[in-house]
Amino acid sequence: MRTSHLVVLFGLTLFGSGCGKEASDSAKIVATRPGVTETTIPADDKIVAGQLVYVPAYSHVLTADAANPLNLATTLFVRNADPTRSIIVTRVEYFDSGGKSLGSRLKSPLKLAPLASVDFFVRESDESGGASPSFLVDWVATEAVAVPVVESIMISTTGSQGISFSCPGRVIQGRQP
């Protein structure tokens, strides 16, 4: 249970919700995440690998014959799959169904240690993205690395029923050594 609270707090702090969260709050939460630290973007001539990843998400699905909407909570995960080298997440941006940016979800770039991960939470009640919002995630590395896993997980529970599914990210731009 304690881990769940940490994930929600972390997601709300970095994800932002227009509630005036301070940057120092973000730093405190990031500091509590093993393997995740705030950093700066390396100079272009130091970057040898990186990708821009499109990640679909869904804020609700329609159910039953009456097409009743069932709202979903979304968590975006970025997992460094390299067992020996770090990556830097430079951009996490949320877009609505029409392609309009709803803002950046990072206060500053995040360095993910080998096999570390970071997540960003969108509340079930957040309908700002419309039915099919998306994320763009940009990452870089100063060494050749294994490609990270970037995906969204959607979940909802109502009464005794639950629904959950995932959507993998798709690379739309990239460079590898």
N, C-alpha and C. Protein backbone atom coordinates (compact mmCIF):
# COMPACT_ATOMS: atom_id res chain seq x y z
N MET A 1 0.82 -1.19 0.00
CA MET A 1 0.00 0.00 0.00
C MET A 1 0.86 1.25 0.00
N ARG A 2 1.94 1.24 0.74
CA ARG A 2 2.82 2.39 0.82
C ARG A 2 3.40 2.74 -0.56
N THR A 3 3.77 1.74 -1.34
CA THR A 3 4.30 1.96 -2.68
C THR A 3 3.27 2.65 -3.56
N SER A 4 2.01 2.25 -3.48
CA SER A 4 0.97 2.86 -4.28
C SER A 4 0.87 4.35 -4.00
N HIS A 5 0.96 4.72 -2.74
CA HIS A 5 0.89 6.13 -2.39
C HIS A 5 2.08 6.88 -2.96
N LEU A 6 3.25 6.28 -2.94
CA LEU A 6 4.43 6.92 -3.49
C LEU A 6 4.28 7.14 -4.98
N VAL A 7 3.75 6.17 -5.70
CA VAL A 7 3.55 6.30 -7.14
C VAL A 7 2.60 7.44 -7.43
N VAL A 8 1.49 7.51 -6.71
CA VAL A 8 0.52 8.56 -6.93
C VAL A 8 1.13 9.92 -6.60
N LEU A 9 1.79 10.04 -5.48
CA LEU A 9 2.42 11.31 -5.13
C LEU A 9 3.44 11.72 -6.17
N PHE A 10 4.26 10.81 -6.61
CA PHE A 10 5.28 11.10 -7.60
C PHE A 10 4.63 11.55 -8.89
N GLY A 11 3.62 10.81 -9.34
CA GLY A 11 2.96 11.14 -10.59
C GLY A 11 2.30 12.50 -10.53
N LEU A 12 1.61 12.79 -9.44
CA LEU A 12 0.93 14.07 -9.33
C LEU A 12 1.93 15.22 -9.24
N THR A 13 3.04 15.01 -8.58
CA THR A 13 4.01 16.08 -8.45
C THR A 13 4.69 16.38 -9.77
N LEU A 14 5.19 15.37 -10.46
CA LEU A 14 5.86 15.61 -11.73
C LEU A 14 4.87 15.89 -12.84
N PHE A 15 3.74 15.21 -12.80
CA PHE A 15 2.76 15.34 -13.85
C PHE A 15 2.15 16.74 -13.81
N GLY A 16 2.01 17.27 -12.61
CA GLY A 16 1.43 18.60 -12.46
C GLY A 16 -0.06 18.55 -12.76
N SER A 17 -0.78 19.38 -12.11
CA SER A 17 -2.21 19.42 -12.39
C SER A 17 -2.71 20.85 -12.31
N GLY A 18 -1.78 21.80 -12.47
CA GLY A 18 -2.18 23.18 -12.39
C GLY A 18 -2.47 23.60 -10.96
N CYS A 19 -2.04 22.86 -10.00
CA CYS A 19 -2.33 23.16 -8.60
C CYS A 19 -1.22 23.94 -7.94
N GLY A 20 -0.27 24.46 -8.72
CA GLY A 20 0.79 25.28 -8.17
C GLY A 20 1.83 24.51 -7.39
N LYS A 21 2.13 23.30 -7.77
CA LYS A 21 3.17 22.54 -7.08
C LYS A 21 4.51 23.22 -7.29
N GLU A 22 5.29 23.29 -6.25
CA GLU A 22 6.60 23.90 -6.32
C GLU A 22 7.62 22.95 -6.92
N ALA A 23 8.64 23.49 -7.58
CA ALA A 23 9.71 22.65 -8.14
C ALA A 23 10.41 21.90 -7.02
N SER A 24 10.50 22.49 -5.84
CA SER A 24 11.16 21.81 -4.73
C SER A 24 10.41 20.55 -4.32
N ASP A 25 9.07 20.55 -4.45
CA ASP A 25 8.30 19.34 -4.18
C ASP A 25 8.72 18.24 -5.12
N SER A 26 8.90 18.58 -6.39
CA SER A 26 9.34 17.61 -7.39
C SER A 26 10.69 17.04 -7.01
N ALA A 27 11.61 17.87 -6.62
CA ALA A 27 12.95 17.42 -6.26
C ALA A 27 12.89 16.48 -5.06
N LYS A 28 12.03 16.76 -4.09
CA LYS A 28 11.91 15.89 -2.92
C LYS A 28 11.42 14.51 -3.32
N ILE A 29 10.40 14.45 -4.18
CA ILE A 29 9.85 13.17 -4.61
C ILE A 29 10.87 12.41 -5.45
N VAL A 30 11.52 13.09 -6.40
CA VAL A 30 12.53 12.44 -7.23
C VAL A 30 13.65 11.89 -6.36
N ALA A 31 14.03 12.63 -5.35
CA ALA A 31 15.11 12.19 -4.46
C ALA A 31 14.76 10.88 -3.74
N THR A 32 13.46 10.62 -3.57
CA THR A 32 13.06 9.40 -2.88
C THR A 32 12.95 8.20 -3.83
N ARG A 33 13.07 8.44 -5.12
CA ARG A 33 12.99 7.36 -6.10
C ARG A 33 14.38 6.78 -6.34
N PRO A 34 14.62 5.55 -6.00
CA PRO A 34 15.94 4.96 -6.24
C PRO A 34 16.27 4.97 -7.73
N GLY A 35 17.46 5.45 -8.05
CA GLY A 35 17.92 5.42 -9.43
C GLY A 35 17.43 6.54 -10.32
N VAL A 36 16.69 7.50 -9.76
CA VAL A 36 16.18 8.63 -10.55
C VAL A 36 16.69 9.93 -9.95
N THR A 37 17.40 10.73 -10.77
CA THR A 37 17.92 12.01 -10.30
C THR A 37 17.67 13.09 -11.33
N GLU A 38 17.50 14.31 -10.86
CA GLU A 38 17.39 15.43 -11.78
C GLU A 38 18.77 15.70 -12.37
N THR A 39 18.79 16.16 -13.62
CA THR A 39 20.07 16.38 -14.29
C THR A 39 19.90 17.47 -15.34
N THR A 40 20.89 17.62 -16.20
CA THR A 40 20.81 18.53 -17.33
C THR A 40 20.95 17.72 -18.62
N ILE A 41 20.56 18.32 -19.73
CA ILE A 41 20.69 17.66 -21.03
C ILE A 41 22.13 17.79 -21.50
N PRO A 42 22.77 16.70 -21.90
CA PRO A 42 24.15 16.78 -22.39
C PRO A 42 24.23 17.59 -23.68
N ALA A 43 25.41 18.10 -23.97
CA ALA A 43 25.64 18.82 -25.23
C ALA A 43 25.39 17.87 -26.40
N ASP A 44 24.91 18.42 -27.52
CA ASP A 44 24.58 17.61 -28.69
C ASP A 44 25.72 16.70 -29.13
N ASP A 45 26.96 17.19 -29.04
CA ASP A 45 28.09 16.37 -29.49
C ASP A 45 28.40 15.21 -28.54
N LYS A 46 27.78 15.19 -27.38
CA LYS A 46 27.97 14.09 -26.41
C LYS A 46 26.88 13.02 -26.53
N ILE A 47 25.77 13.36 -27.20
CA ILE A 47 24.64 12.43 -27.33
C ILE A 47 24.91 11.46 -28.47
N VAL A 48 24.88 10.15 -28.16
CA VAL A 48 25.11 9.14 -29.18
C VAL A 48 23.87 8.29 -29.47
N ALA A 49 22.88 8.35 -28.61
CA ALA A 49 21.66 7.58 -28.80
C ALA A 49 20.48 8.37 -28.25
N GLY A 50 19.31 8.09 -28.79
CA GLY A 50 18.11 8.74 -28.30
C GLY A 50 16.94 8.45 -29.20
N GLN A 51 15.75 8.71 -28.69
CA GLN A 51 14.53 8.48 -29.45
C GLN A 51 13.43 9.44 -28.99
N LEU A 52 12.52 9.71 -29.90
CA LEU A 52 11.26 10.35 -29.58
C LEU A 52 10.21 9.26 -29.72
N VAL A 53 9.47 9.02 -28.64
CA VAL A 53 8.52 7.90 -28.58
C VAL A 53 7.10 8.45 -28.41
N TYR A 54 6.20 8.00 -29.29
CA TYR A 54 4.78 8.31 -29.19
C TYR A 54 4.11 7.20 -28.38
N VAL A 55 3.32 7.61 -27.37
CA VAL A 55 2.66 6.62 -26.51
C VAL A 55 1.16 6.92 -26.46
N PRO A 56 0.32 6.05 -27.04
CA PRO A 56 -1.12 6.27 -26.95
C PRO A 56 -1.63 5.99 -25.54
N ALA A 57 -2.73 6.63 -25.21
CA ALA A 57 -3.39 6.41 -23.92
C ALA A 57 -4.89 6.54 -24.14
N TYR A 58 -5.66 6.16 -23.15
CA TYR A 58 -7.12 6.27 -23.22
C TYR A 58 -7.62 6.77 -21.87
N SER A 59 -8.46 7.82 -21.90
CA SER A 59 -9.00 8.33 -20.64
C SER A 59 -10.32 7.65 -20.29
N HIS A 60 -10.96 7.04 -21.29
CA HIS A 60 -12.16 6.25 -21.01
C HIS A 60 -12.41 5.27 -22.16
N VAL A 61 -13.17 4.25 -21.86
CA VAL A 61 -13.65 3.31 -22.87
C VAL A 61 -15.16 3.25 -22.76
N LEU A 62 -15.81 2.89 -23.86
CA LEU A 62 -17.26 2.79 -23.86
C LEU A 62 -17.65 1.34 -23.57
N THR A 63 -18.66 1.17 -22.72
CA THR A 63 -19.07 -0.18 -22.31
C THR A 63 -20.56 -0.38 -22.54
N ALA A 64 -20.95 -1.61 -22.64
CA ALA A 64 -22.35 -2.04 -22.76
C ALA A 64 -22.98 -1.53 -24.06
N ASP A 65 -24.18 -1.96 -24.30
CA ASP A 65 -24.90 -1.58 -25.52
C ASP A 65 -25.18 -0.08 -25.57
N ALA A 66 -25.29 0.54 -24.42
CA ALA A 66 -25.60 1.97 -24.37
C ALA A 66 -24.36 2.85 -24.51
N ALA A 67 -23.21 2.25 -24.73
CA ALA A 67 -21.94 2.98 -24.88
C ALA A 67 -21.68 3.90 -23.69
N ASN A 68 -21.83 3.32 -22.48
CA ASN A 68 -21.57 4.08 -21.26
C ASN A 68 -20.06 4.26 -21.10
N PRO A 69 -19.61 5.50 -20.84
CA PRO A 69 -18.17 5.70 -20.66
C PRO A 69 -17.70 5.19 -19.29
N LEU A 70 -16.55 4.53 -19.29
CA LEU A 70 -15.90 4.09 -18.07
C LEU A 70 -14.55 4.80 -18.02
N ASN A 71 -14.43 5.75 -17.09
CA ASN A 71 -13.18 6.51 -16.98
C ASN A 71 -12.04 5.62 -16.53
N LEU A 72 -10.83 5.94 -17.02
CA LEU A 72 -9.64 5.15 -16.72
C LEU A 72 -8.54 6.04 -16.13
N ALA A 73 -7.83 5.51 -15.17
CA ALA A 73 -6.61 6.15 -14.69
C ALA A 73 -5.48 5.66 -15.60
N THR A 74 -4.54 6.56 -15.91
CA THR A 74 -3.43 6.21 -16.80
C THR A 74 -2.11 6.44 -16.09
N THR A 75 -1.20 5.50 -16.24
CA THR A 75 0.16 5.69 -15.77
C THR A 75 1.09 5.48 -16.95
N LEU A 76 1.94 6.46 -17.20
CA LEU A 76 2.97 6.34 -18.23
C LEU A 76 4.24 5.87 -17.53
N PHE A 77 4.85 4.82 -18.07
CA PHE A 77 6.10 4.28 -17.53
C PHE A 77 7.23 4.45 -18.52
N VAL A 78 8.37 4.88 -18.03
CA VAL A 78 9.60 4.90 -18.82
C VAL A 78 10.59 4.05 -18.04
N ARG A 79 11.03 2.94 -18.64
CA ARG A 79 11.92 1.98 -17.98
C ARG A 79 13.25 1.91 -18.73
N ASN A 80 14.32 2.19 -18.03
CA ASN A 80 15.64 2.01 -18.61
C ASN A 80 15.93 0.51 -18.64
N ALA A 81 16.01 -0.05 -19.83
CA ALA A 81 16.21 -1.50 -19.98
C ALA A 81 17.68 -1.88 -20.02
N ASP A 82 18.56 -0.91 -19.92
CA ASP A 82 19.99 -1.22 -19.98
C ASP A 82 20.51 -1.60 -18.59
N PRO A 83 21.17 -2.75 -18.47
CA PRO A 83 21.64 -3.19 -17.15
C PRO A 83 22.92 -2.52 -16.67
N THR A 84 23.58 -1.71 -17.51
CA THR A 84 24.85 -1.11 -17.09
C THR A 84 24.98 0.39 -17.35
N ARG A 85 24.10 0.98 -18.16
CA ARG A 85 24.25 2.39 -18.52
C ARG A 85 22.97 3.18 -18.26
N SER A 86 23.14 4.46 -17.99
CA SER A 86 22.02 5.35 -17.71
C SER A 86 21.46 5.98 -18.99
N ILE A 87 20.22 6.44 -18.90
CA ILE A 87 19.61 7.26 -19.94
C ILE A 87 19.10 8.54 -19.28
N ILE A 88 18.80 9.54 -20.10
CA ILE A 88 18.24 10.79 -19.60
C ILE A 88 16.92 11.04 -20.32
N VAL A 89 15.85 11.18 -19.55
CA VAL A 89 14.53 11.52 -20.08
C VAL A 89 14.48 13.04 -20.17
N THR A 90 14.36 13.57 -21.39
CA THR A 90 14.42 15.02 -21.59
C THR A 90 13.06 15.65 -21.81
N ARG A 91 12.07 14.83 -22.15
CA ARG A 91 10.74 15.39 -22.44
C ARG A 91 9.68 14.35 -22.15
N VAL A 92 8.64 14.78 -21.46
CA VAL A 92 7.41 14.01 -21.30
C VAL A 92 6.29 15.04 -21.47
N GLU A 93 5.62 14.97 -22.60
CA GLU A 93 4.58 15.95 -22.90
C GLU A 93 3.27 15.23 -23.15
N TYR A 94 2.19 15.79 -22.63
CA TYR A 94 0.86 15.19 -22.71
C TYR A 94 0.03 15.95 -23.75
N PHE A 95 -0.67 15.23 -24.62
CA PHE A 95 -1.47 15.82 -25.69
C PHE A 95 -2.91 15.34 -25.60
N ASP A 96 -3.85 16.20 -26.00
CA ASP A 96 -5.25 15.79 -26.02
C ASP A 96 -5.56 15.04 -27.31
N SER A 97 -6.79 14.58 -27.45
CA SER A 97 -7.21 13.80 -28.62
C SER A 97 -7.07 14.55 -29.93
N GLY A 98 -7.09 15.87 -29.87
CA GLY A 98 -6.95 16.70 -31.07
C GLY A 98 -5.51 17.05 -31.39
N GLY A 99 -4.56 16.55 -30.58
CA GLY A 99 -3.15 16.83 -30.83
C GLY A 99 -2.63 18.11 -30.18
N LYS A 100 -3.46 18.75 -29.36
CA LYS A 100 -3.03 19.98 -28.67
C LYS A 100 -2.25 19.61 -27.41
N SER A 101 -1.12 20.27 -27.22
CA SER A 101 -0.31 20.01 -26.03
C SER A 101 -1.03 20.46 -24.77
N LEU A 102 -1.05 19.60 -23.79
CA LEU A 102 -1.58 19.94 -22.47
C LEU A 102 -0.45 20.24 -21.50
N GLY A 103 0.77 20.28 -22.02
CA GLY A 103 1.91 20.70 -21.21
C GLY A 103 2.93 19.62 -20.94
N SER A 104 4.08 20.10 -20.54
CA SER A 104 5.19 19.23 -20.17
C SER A 104 4.93 18.64 -18.80
N ARG A 105 5.39 17.44 -18.57
CA ARG A 105 5.23 16.77 -17.29
C ARG A 105 6.54 16.68 -16.53
N LEU A 106 7.60 17.29 -17.06
CA LEU A 106 8.89 17.31 -16.38
C LEU A 106 9.22 18.72 -15.91
N LYS A 107 9.75 18.81 -14.72
CA LYS A 107 10.29 20.08 -14.22
C LYS A 107 11.71 20.26 -14.75
N SER A 108 12.43 19.14 -14.86
CA SER A 108 13.80 19.13 -15.40
C SER A 108 14.08 17.72 -15.92
N PRO A 109 15.11 17.58 -16.76
CA PRO A 109 15.44 16.23 -17.25
C PRO A 109 15.75 15.29 -16.09
N LEU A 110 15.45 13.99 -16.32
CA LEU A 110 15.67 12.98 -15.29
C LEU A 110 16.63 11.92 -15.79
N LYS A 111 17.65 11.65 -14.99
CA LYS A 111 18.60 10.58 -15.30
C LYS A 111 18.08 9.31 -14.65
N LEU A 112 17.95 8.25 -15.47
CA LEU A 112 17.51 6.96 -14.97
C LEU A 112 18.72 6.03 -14.94
N ALA A 113 19.06 5.57 -13.77
CA ALA A 113 20.17 4.63 -13.60
C ALA A 113 19.84 3.33 -14.32
N PRO A 114 20.82 2.45 -14.50
CA PRO A 114 20.54 1.16 -15.12
C PRO A 114 19.36 0.44 -14.45
N LEU A 115 18.42 0.02 -15.27
CA LEU A 115 17.21 -0.71 -14.88
C LEU A 115 16.24 0.09 -14.00
N ALA A 116 16.46 1.39 -13.84
CA ALA A 116 15.54 2.24 -13.08
C ALA A 116 14.35 2.63 -13.96
N SER A 117 13.29 3.08 -13.32
CA SER A 117 12.11 3.52 -14.05
C SER A 117 11.49 4.74 -13.40
N VAL A 118 10.67 5.42 -14.17
CA VAL A 118 9.95 6.59 -13.68
C VAL A 118 8.53 6.50 -14.24
N ASP A 119 7.56 7.04 -13.53
CA ASP A 119 6.18 6.97 -13.99
C ASP A 119 5.47 8.29 -13.76
N PHE A 120 4.42 8.50 -14.56
CA PHE A 120 3.63 9.73 -14.52
C PHE A 120 2.16 9.33 -14.52
N PHE A 121 1.41 9.85 -13.57
CA PHE A 121 0.04 9.42 -13.33
C PHE A 121 -0.97 10.47 -13.81
N VAL A 122 -2.02 10.01 -14.49
CA VAL A 122 -3.15 10.85 -14.88
C VAL A 122 -4.37 10.28 -14.17
N ARG A 123 -4.99 11.10 -13.36
CA ARG A 123 -6.13 10.66 -12.57
C ARG A 123 -7.30 10.20 -13.43
N GLU A 124 -8.05 9.30 -12.91
CA GLU A 124 -9.26 8.79 -13.57
C GLU A 124 -10.25 9.92 -13.86
N SER A 125 -10.30 10.91 -13.00
CA SER A 125 -11.24 12.02 -13.17
C SER A 125 -10.73 13.10 -14.13
N ASP A 126 -9.51 13.00 -14.59
CA ASP A 126 -8.93 13.99 -15.51
C ASP A 126 -9.40 13.70 -16.93
N GLU A 127 -10.31 14.52 -17.44
CA GLU A 127 -10.84 14.33 -18.78
C GLU A 127 -10.26 15.34 -19.77
N SER A 128 -9.21 16.05 -19.39
CA SER A 128 -8.65 17.11 -20.23
C SER A 128 -8.09 16.60 -21.55
N GLY A 129 -7.70 15.33 -21.61
CA GLY A 129 -7.13 14.78 -22.83
C GLY A 129 -8.15 14.24 -23.82
N GLY A 130 -9.42 14.23 -23.45
CA GLY A 130 -10.41 13.63 -24.33
C GLY A 130 -10.31 12.11 -24.26
N ALA A 131 -10.95 11.44 -25.21
CA ALA A 131 -11.01 9.98 -25.17
C ALA A 131 -9.67 9.31 -25.45
N SER A 132 -8.86 9.90 -26.32
CA SER A 132 -7.62 9.23 -26.73
C SER A 132 -6.42 10.17 -26.68
N PRO A 133 -6.00 10.55 -25.49
CA PRO A 133 -4.82 11.41 -25.37
C PRO A 133 -3.55 10.62 -25.70
N SER A 134 -2.43 11.31 -25.69
CA SER A 134 -1.15 10.65 -25.97
C SER A 134 -0.02 11.39 -25.27
N PHE A 135 1.12 10.75 -25.25
CA PHE A 135 2.35 11.33 -24.70
C PHE A 135 3.44 11.30 -25.77
N LEU A 136 4.34 12.25 -25.70
CA LEU A 136 5.61 12.18 -26.41
C LEU A 136 6.69 12.12 -25.36
N VAL A 137 7.57 11.13 -25.48
CA VAL A 137 8.67 10.95 -24.54
C VAL A 137 9.96 11.00 -25.35
N ASP A 138 10.87 11.86 -24.92
CA ASP A 138 12.17 11.98 -25.57
C ASP A 138 13.23 11.56 -24.57
N TRP A 139 14.17 10.73 -25.02
CA TRP A 139 15.26 10.31 -24.14
C TRP A 139 16.56 10.36 -24.95
N VAL A 140 17.67 10.52 -24.23
CA VAL A 140 19.00 10.53 -24.84
C VAL A 140 19.96 9.75 -23.95
N ALA A 141 21.12 9.41 -24.54
CA ALA A 141 22.18 8.75 -23.79
C ALA A 141 23.53 9.17 -24.38
N THR A 142 24.53 9.17 -23.54
CA THR A 142 25.87 9.54 -23.98
C THR A 142 26.71 8.33 -24.35
N GLU A 143 26.10 7.14 -24.27
CA GLU A 143 26.74 5.89 -24.66
C GLU A 143 25.69 5.04 -25.37
N ALA A 144 26.14 4.04 -26.09
CA ALA A 144 25.20 3.09 -26.68
C ALA A 144 24.47 2.38 -25.54
N VAL A 145 23.15 2.30 -25.64
CA VAL A 145 22.34 1.68 -24.58
C VAL A 145 21.27 0.80 -25.18
N ALA A 146 20.74 -0.09 -24.36
CA ALA A 146 19.56 -0.85 -24.75
C ALA A 146 18.38 0.12 -24.84
N VAL A 147 17.49 -0.13 -25.77
CA VAL A 147 16.33 0.74 -25.96
C VAL A 147 15.40 0.62 -24.74
N PRO A 148 15.00 1.76 -24.15
CA PRO A 148 14.10 1.70 -23.01
C PRO A 148 12.71 1.20 -23.39
N VAL A 149 11.97 0.77 -22.39
CA VAL A 149 10.58 0.37 -22.57
C VAL A 149 9.72 1.55 -22.14
N VAL A 150 8.86 2.02 -23.05
CA VAL A 150 7.98 3.16 -22.77
C VAL A 150 6.57 2.70 -23.08
N GLU A 151 5.68 2.77 -22.08
CA GLU A 151 4.33 2.27 -22.26
C GLU A 151 3.36 2.97 -21.31
N SER A 152 2.09 2.92 -21.68
CA SER A 152 1.05 3.43 -20.79
C SER A 152 0.21 2.25 -20.31
N ILE A 153 -0.25 2.37 -19.08
CA ILE A 153 -1.13 1.36 -18.47
C ILE A 153 -2.40 2.09 -18.06
N MET A 154 -3.54 1.58 -18.48
CA MET A 154 -4.82 2.15 -18.11
C MET A 154 -5.55 1.16 -17.21
N ILE A 155 -6.24 1.69 -16.19
CA ILE A 155 -6.94 0.82 -15.24
C ILE A 155 -8.15 1.54 -14.67
N SER A 156 -9.17 0.75 -14.36
CA SER A 156 -10.34 1.25 -13.66
C SER A 156 -11.02 0.10 -12.93
N THR A 157 -11.62 0.41 -11.82
CA THR A 157 -12.42 -0.58 -11.10
C THR A 157 -13.74 0.08 -10.72
N THR A 158 -14.80 -0.66 -10.92
CA THR A 158 -16.13 -0.21 -10.55
C THR A 158 -16.85 -1.39 -9.94
N GLY A 159 -17.24 -1.25 -8.68
CA GLY A 159 -17.90 -2.36 -8.01
C GLY A 159 -16.98 -3.56 -7.98
N SER A 160 -17.44 -4.68 -8.48
CA SER A 160 -16.62 -5.89 -8.48
C SER A 160 -15.94 -6.12 -9.83
N GLN A 161 -16.06 -5.16 -10.75
CA GLN A 161 -15.44 -5.30 -12.07
C GLN A 161 -14.21 -4.42 -12.17
N GLY A 162 -13.29 -4.87 -12.98
CA GLY A 162 -12.10 -4.07 -13.24
C GLY A 162 -11.66 -4.25 -14.68
N ILE A 163 -10.97 -3.27 -15.18
CA ILE A 163 -10.43 -3.34 -16.53
C ILE A 163 -9.03 -2.76 -16.49
N SER A 164 -8.13 -3.37 -17.21
CA SER A 164 -6.78 -2.82 -17.34
C SER A 164 -6.18 -3.29 -18.66
N PHE A 165 -5.37 -2.44 -19.26
CA PHE A 165 -4.66 -2.81 -20.48
C PHE A 165 -3.49 -1.85 -20.65
N SER A 166 -2.61 -2.22 -21.55
CA SER A 166 -1.42 -1.39 -21.78
C SER A 166 -1.30 -1.05 -23.25
N CYS A 167 -0.57 0.02 -23.53
CA CYS A 167 -0.27 0.43 -24.90
C CYS A 167 1.23 0.68 -24.99
N PRO A 168 1.92 -0.03 -25.87
CA PRO A 168 3.36 0.21 -26.01
C PRO A 168 3.63 1.51 -26.75
N GLY A 169 4.75 2.14 -26.44
CA GLY A 169 5.19 3.31 -27.18
C GLY A 169 5.71 2.90 -28.54
N ARG A 170 5.69 3.85 -29.46
CA ARG A 170 6.19 3.62 -30.82
C ARG A 170 7.22 4.69 -31.15
N VAL A 171 8.39 4.26 -31.58
CA VAL A 171 9.44 5.21 -31.93
C VAL A 171 9.05 5.95 -33.20
N ILE A 172 9.08 7.29 -33.15
CA ILE A 172 8.77 8.08 -34.34
C ILE A 172 9.99 8.84 -34.86
N GLN A 173 11.02 8.97 -34.03
CA GLN A 173 12.30 9.52 -34.45
C GLN A 173 13.36 8.89 -33.57
N GLY A 174 14.55 8.68 -34.11
CA GLY A 174 15.57 8.11 -33.26
C GLY A 174 16.94 8.11 -33.89
N ARG A 175 17.91 7.96 -33.01
CA ARG A 175 19.28 7.77 -33.46
C ARG A 175 19.94 6.75 -32.53
N GLN A 176 20.60 5.82 -33.13
CA GLN A 176 21.36 4.81 -32.42
C GLN A 176 22.75 4.77 -33.04
N PRO A 177 23.76 4.49 -32.24
CA PRO A 177 25.13 4.46 -32.79
C PRO A 177 25.31 3.30 -33.75
